[in-house]
Structure formats: C-alpha cells, structure tokens
Amino acid sequence: MAPQPADLDLVVAPCPGLRHGLVVPAAELEERFSRAGGPGGQGVNTTDSRVELWWDPAASTALTEAQRDRATAGLAAYLIGGKVRIVAAEHRSQRRNRKAARERLAELLREALAPPPPARRPTRPTRGSQRRRLEAKGRRSELKAGRSRPQNNE
C-alpha cells in the first residue's frame, strides 16, 4: 500500500510551546535517499535506505510569525543554508528511517518552540538559617582552638 499524502505530514504533538500541536505539510518536507552503511546484509549495497530530511522553517506555512522566529532561533545550530537537515540511517528499511527522521525533527521542533523557562527569583537565607550557620562556625572554631598547645600564662 502506497503512503497517502496525509500520512507523510509531520505531526508534532501538543507540548508547552504548542498548545494544540502542529502539522507540517508533506509538501514542505524534502527527502533524499541514499545508500547507508551499517547493518543490512547483502541488501546494504543495493537499497537506498538512508534518509536525509530537509525542512525550511522560515518558509513554513505551518508556523505563525512568532513561532517562526522562535524556531529559527532555536534551530540555529541545525540550519544549513536556512534549512534544517536530519539524517537517519540506523535502521535497515527506508520506511523506518523515514519515521525516525520525522520523529527527530518533531522533537527538535518541540524543543525549539518551547517557551523559555521563567527567570530565577533570587531569595535570601532565612534568619534562622543564618543563626544556625554562625553557631556551627562558632562550634567548629572552639573545636579547632581546643587542639592548639596550651599557652603559658605567667
């Protein structure tokens, strides 16, 4: 059974940055296939099982303008010529490598579109913790002072 176009869409599950999830149309994804090394037996030299998935976040219609800006900033380390490149070659079949590449891209999108964590609010030590710390320092000081040689008080 040939894959249907809707089956090839990239579906990103709802997460903190995407309340309703996200669907990237298959038309925006570009796939290239090549021969992969690794496991595969006799078929390793004949089948194009390695998948290279390309996606351009700046030209995507699935993202809003704010999401597009956040995605390009979050995916900056993965951009090559303005496009995200994902390579999957760990499985023997092309179908499983295609699925792995899409899952990896979806995970990268979830991370890139997640809102930044809230700023840390600095706190001060409580009065009781300050008192306990100073008392512990005093006890330690007395212990160390008791180790010294007695002084001659003449």
Protein backbone atom coordinates (compact mmCIF):
# COMPACT_ATOMS: atom_id res chain seq x y z
CA MET A 1 0.00 0.00 0.00
CA ALA A 2 1.48 3.34 -1.06
CA PRO A 3 1.67 6.01 1.65
CA GLN A 4 -1.03 8.63 1.43
CA PRO A 5 -0.03 12.33 1.39
CA ALA A 6 -1.69 12.89 4.79
CA ASP A 7 0.44 10.05 6.21
CA LEU A 8 3.57 11.92 5.18
CA ASP A 9 2.68 15.12 7.06
CA LEU A 10 4.86 15.79 10.09
CA VAL A 11 2.65 15.77 13.19
CA VAL A 12 4.07 17.42 16.31
CA ALA A 13 2.19 16.50 19.48
CA PRO A 14 0.96 19.23 21.85
CA CYS A 15 3.63 20.48 24.25
CA PRO A 16 4.31 23.60 26.35
CA GLY A 17 5.12 25.75 23.31
CA LEU A 18 2.38 24.23 21.13
CA ARG A 19 -0.93 24.05 22.93
CA HIS A 20 -2.77 22.41 20.01
CA GLY A 21 0.18 20.68 18.37
CA LEU A 22 1.42 21.32 14.87
CA VAL A 23 1.13 19.72 11.45
CA VAL A 24 3.84 20.46 8.89
CA PRO A 25 2.54 19.62 5.40
CA ALA A 26 4.44 16.97 3.47
CA ALA A 27 4.93 19.49 0.65
CA GLU A 28 7.30 21.49 2.89
CA LEU A 29 9.48 18.46 3.65
CA GLU A 30 12.15 17.39 1.21
CA GLU A 31 13.54 13.86 1.39
CA ARG A 32 16.61 12.42 -0.26
CA PHE A 33 17.56 8.76 -0.17
CA SER A 34 20.97 7.19 -0.46
CA ARG A 35 22.80 4.02 0.41
CA ALA A 36 23.60 3.64 4.06
CA GLY A 37 26.42 1.80 5.73
CA GLY A 38 25.91 -0.46 8.69
CA PRO A 39 23.57 -3.43 9.04
CA GLY A 40 21.67 -4.75 6.08
CA GLY A 41 23.40 -7.90 4.89
CA GLN A 42 23.50 -8.35 1.14
CA GLY A 43 20.97 -5.56 0.61
CA VAL A 44 23.21 -2.89 2.14
CA ASN A 45 24.85 -2.15 -1.21
CA THR A 46 21.65 -2.17 -3.26
CA THR A 47 18.94 -0.35 -1.31
CA ASP A 48 18.69 3.37 -0.67
CA SER A 49 17.71 3.14 2.99
CA ARG A 50 19.47 6.26 4.35
CA VAL A 51 17.08 9.21 4.65
CA GLU A 52 18.04 12.86 4.58
CA LEU A 53 15.13 15.12 5.59
CA TRP A 54 15.24 18.86 4.86
CA TRP A 55 12.80 21.50 6.14
CA ASP A 56 12.84 25.28 5.80
CA PRO A 57 11.35 26.88 8.96
CA ALA A 58 11.49 30.41 7.51
CA ALA A 59 9.23 29.46 4.60
CA SER A 60 6.89 27.18 6.56
CA THR A 61 3.15 27.90 6.39
CA ALA A 62 2.50 25.73 9.46
CA LEU A 63 4.10 28.25 11.84
CA THR A 64 2.90 31.65 12.97
CA GLU A 65 5.29 34.58 12.68
CA ALA A 66 6.24 34.38 16.38
CA GLN A 67 6.74 30.59 16.16
CA ARG A 68 8.81 31.04 13.00
CA ASP A 69 11.13 33.49 14.78
CA ARG A 70 11.46 31.23 17.82
CA ALA A 71 12.03 28.15 15.64
CA THR A 72 14.77 29.76 13.55
CA ALA A 73 16.49 30.96 16.73
CA GLY A 74 16.13 27.58 18.47
CA LEU A 75 17.21 25.58 15.45
CA ALA A 76 20.14 27.85 14.52
CA ALA A 77 22.66 25.08 15.29
CA TYR A 78 20.89 22.73 12.86
CA LEU A 79 20.40 25.17 9.96
CA ILE A 80 22.37 24.62 6.78
CA GLY A 81 21.60 27.25 4.17
CA GLY A 82 18.49 28.24 6.12
CA LYS A 83 17.12 24.68 6.21
CA VAL A 84 17.11 22.03 8.94
CA ARG A 85 18.82 18.79 7.95
CA ILE A 86 18.06 15.48 9.68
CA VAL A 87 19.81 12.24 8.67
CA ALA A 88 18.58 8.79 9.68
CA ALA A 89 20.42 5.62 8.73
CA GLU A 90 20.17 3.44 11.83
CA HIS A 91 17.53 1.03 10.51
CA ARG A 92 17.66 -1.44 7.65
CA SER A 93 14.46 -0.27 5.99
CA GLN A 94 13.84 3.06 4.32
CA ARG A 95 10.37 3.27 5.89
CA ARG A 96 11.73 3.02 9.45
CA ASN A 97 14.48 5.55 8.69
CA ARG A 98 11.87 7.97 7.30
CA LYS A 99 9.86 7.59 10.51
CA ALA A 100 12.98 8.07 12.66
CA ALA A 101 13.95 11.25 10.78
CA ARG A 102 10.45 12.70 11.18
CA GLU A 103 10.38 11.86 14.89
CA ARG A 104 13.75 13.56 15.34
CA LEU A 105 12.55 16.68 13.51
CA ALA A 106 9.36 16.74 15.60
CA GLU A 107 11.41 16.51 18.81
CA LEU A 108 13.69 19.34 17.65
CA LEU A 109 10.62 21.47 16.88
CA ARG A 110 9.14 20.76 20.32
CA GLU A 111 12.38 21.89 21.97
CA ALA A 112 12.80 24.95 19.76
CA LEU A 113 9.21 26.16 20.21
CA ALA A 114 9.12 25.62 23.97
CA PRO A 115 8.89 28.90 25.87
CA PRO A 116 11.98 29.96 27.81
CA PRO A 117 11.96 28.96 31.48
CA PRO A 118 10.87 31.63 33.94
CA ALA A 119 13.63 33.84 35.31
CA ARG A 120 15.02 32.76 38.66
CA ARG A 121 13.85 34.89 41.52
CA PRO A 122 16.75 35.37 43.93
CA THR A 123 15.99 34.52 47.55
CA ARG A 124 17.71 35.41 50.79
CA PRO A 125 18.66 32.98 53.55
CA THR A 126 16.23 32.99 56.47
CA ARG A 127 17.24 34.49 59.79
CA GLY A 128 17.17 31.04 61.42
CA SER A 129 19.48 29.52 58.78
CA GLN A 130 21.92 32.42 59.21
CA ARG A 131 21.89 31.94 63.01
CA ARG A 132 22.46 28.16 62.69
CA ARG A 133 25.33 28.71 60.26
CA LEU A 134 27.06 31.16 62.61
CA GLU A 135 26.55 28.83 65.61
CA ALA A 136 28.07 25.95 63.65
CA LYS A 137 31.03 28.13 62.73
CA GLY A 138 31.48 29.04 66.41
CA ARG A 139 31.40 25.38 67.49
CA ARG A 140 33.93 24.50 64.81
CA SER A 141 36.16 27.37 65.88
CA GLU A 142 36.08 26.22 69.53
CA LEU A 143 36.90 22.67 68.46
CA LYS A 144 39.93 23.81 66.48
CA ALA A 145 41.04 26.20 69.22
CA GLY A 146 41.00 23.26 71.67
CA ARG A 147 43.55 21.43 69.51
CA SER A 148 46.26 24.08 69.95
CA ARG A 149 49.06 23.85 72.54
CA PRO A 150 48.28 25.38 75.91
CA GLN A 151 49.65 28.88 76.42
CA ASN A 152 51.99 29.67 79.36
CA ASN A 153 50.21 32.33 81.36
CA GLU A 154 52.82 33.54 83.82
